[in-house]
């Protein structure tokens, strides 16, 4: 990975987080951590997506009924 790619990825993550905030969509700490790992090249895009889905499915299914 070239030296500029992590900076570009980090900028993309910050933009996505800002858009979500504007739209009122919360970004979990887990999502932020996985995005940072992806930006650094520590995990791939498909790995990040799979981990996000797994984590958020658990949050939804473990949630107390309202």
C-alpha atoms as a PDB file:
ATOM      1  CA  UNK A   1       0.000   0.000   0.000  1.00  0.00           C
ATOM      2  CA  UNK A   2       1.391   3.383  -0.929  1.00  0.00           C
ATOM      3  CA  UNK A   3       1.992   5.937   1.810  1.00  0.00           C
ATOM      4  CA  UNK A   4      -0.889   8.156   0.622  1.00  0.00           C
ATOM      5  CA  UNK A   5      -3.589   5.496   0.682  1.00  0.00           C
ATOM      6  CA  UNK A   6      -3.979   5.425   4.496  1.00  0.00           C
ATOM      7  CA  UNK A   7      -4.370   9.237   4.503  1.00  0.00           C
ATOM      8  CA  UNK A   8      -6.986   9.059   1.761  1.00  0.00           C
ATOM      9  CA  UNK A   9      -8.812   6.273   3.562  1.00  0.00           C
ATOM     10  CA  UNK A  10      -8.764   8.199   6.820  1.00  0.00           C
ATOM     11  CA  UNK A  11     -10.187  11.240   5.036  1.00  0.00           C
ATOM     12  CA  UNK A  12     -12.941   9.038   3.585  1.00  0.00           C
ATOM     13  CA  UNK A  13     -13.744   7.650   7.041  1.00  0.00           C
ATOM     14  CA  UNK A  14     -13.933  11.134   8.541  1.00  0.00           C
ATOM     15  CA  UNK A  15     -16.218  12.281   5.738  1.00  0.00           C
ATOM     16  CA  UNK A  16     -18.495   9.267   6.179  1.00  0.00           C
ATOM     17  CA  UNK A  17     -18.649   9.837   9.942  1.00  0.00           C
ATOM     18  CA  UNK A  18     -19.488  13.511   9.391  1.00  0.00           C
ATOM     19  CA  UNK A  19     -22.267  12.669   6.934  1.00  0.00           C
ATOM     20  CA  UNK A  20     -23.711  10.121   9.352  1.00  0.00           C
ATOM     21  CA  UNK A  21     -23.629  12.718  12.131  1.00  0.00           C
ATOM     22  CA  UNK A  22     -25.405  15.275   9.946  1.00  0.00           C
ATOM     23  CA  UNK A  23     -28.070  12.691   9.122  1.00  0.00           C
ATOM     24  CA  UNK A  24     -28.470  11.769  12.795  1.00  0.00           C
ATOM     25  CA  UNK A  25     -27.054   8.275  12.406  1.00  0.00           C
ATOM     26  CA  UNK A  26     -24.836   7.302  15.339  1.00  0.00           C
ATOM     27  CA  UNK A  27     -21.461   5.726  14.622  1.00  0.00           C
ATOM     28  CA  UNK A  28     -20.521   3.148  17.246  1.00  0.00           C
ATOM     29  CA  UNK A  29     -17.098   2.968  18.844  1.00  0.00           C
ATOM     30  CA  UNK A  30     -16.695  -0.479  17.269  1.00  0.00           C
ATOM     31  CA  UNK A  31     -17.432   0.930  13.808  1.00  0.00           C
ATOM     32  CA  UNK A  32     -14.920   3.743  14.353  1.00  0.00           C
ATOM     33  CA  UNK A  33     -12.250   1.283  15.462  1.00  0.00           C
ATOM     34  CA  UNK A  34     -12.821  -1.006  12.478  1.00  0.00           C
ATOM     35  CA  UNK A  35     -12.757   1.976  10.114  1.00  0.00           C
ATOM     36  CA  UNK A  36      -9.432   3.070  11.579  1.00  0.00           C
ATOM     37  CA  UNK A  37      -8.014  -0.435  11.163  1.00  0.00           C
ATOM     38  CA  UNK A  38      -9.172  -0.457   7.538  1.00  0.00           C
ATOM     39  CA  UNK A  39      -7.672   2.988   6.904  1.00  0.00           C
ATOM     40  CA  UNK A  40      -4.315   1.754   8.221  1.00  0.00           C
ATOM     41  CA  UNK A  41      -4.479  -1.337   6.026  1.00  0.00           C
ATOM     42  CA  UNK A  42      -4.703  -3.693   9.004  1.00  0.00           C
ATOM     43  CA  UNK A  43      -7.914  -5.296   7.728  1.00  0.00           C
ATOM     44  CA  UNK A  44      -9.525  -5.451   4.293  1.00  0.00           C
ATOM     45  CA  UNK A  45     -12.813  -3.883   3.268  1.00  0.00           C
ATOM     46  CA  UNK A  46     -14.637  -7.236   3.226  1.00  0.00           C
ATOM     47  CA  UNK A  47     -13.207  -8.093   6.667  1.00  0.00           C
ATOM     48  CA  UNK A  48     -14.408  -4.765   8.038  1.00  0.00           C
ATOM     49  CA  UNK A  49     -17.882  -5.300   6.585  1.00  0.00           C
ATOM     50  CA  UNK A  50     -18.152  -8.843   7.973  1.00  0.00           C
ATOM     51  CA  UNK A  51     -17.033  -7.722  11.440  1.00  0.00           C
ATOM     52  CA  UNK A  52     -19.455  -4.784  11.429  1.00  0.00           C
ATOM     53  CA  UNK A  53     -22.366  -7.009  10.441  1.00  0.00           C
ATOM     54  CA  UNK A  54     -21.430  -9.603  13.057  1.00  0.00           C
ATOM     55  CA  UNK A  55     -21.076  -6.991  15.800  1.00  0.00           C
ATOM     56  CA  UNK A  56     -24.247  -5.102  14.954  1.00  0.00           C
ATOM     57  CA  UNK A  57     -26.342  -8.254  14.561  1.00  0.00           C
ATOM     58  CA  UNK A  58     -25.271  -9.228  18.069  1.00  0.00           C
ATOM     59  CA  UNK A  59     -26.219  -5.781  19.396  1.00  0.00           C
ATOM     60  CA  UNK A  60     -29.657  -5.994  17.771  1.00  0.00           C
ATOM     61  CA  UNK A  61     -30.390  -9.561  18.880  1.00  0.00           C
ATOM     62  CA  UNK A  62     -29.064  -9.020  22.424  1.00  0.00           C
ATOM     63  CA  UNK A  63     -31.101  -5.848  22.886  1.00  0.00           C
ATOM     64  CA  UNK A  64     -33.858  -5.952  25.493  1.00  0.00           C
ATOM     65  CA  UNK A  65     -37.369  -5.864  24.035  1.00  0.00           C
ATOM     66  CA  UNK A  66     -39.052  -2.489  24.433  1.00  0.00           C
END
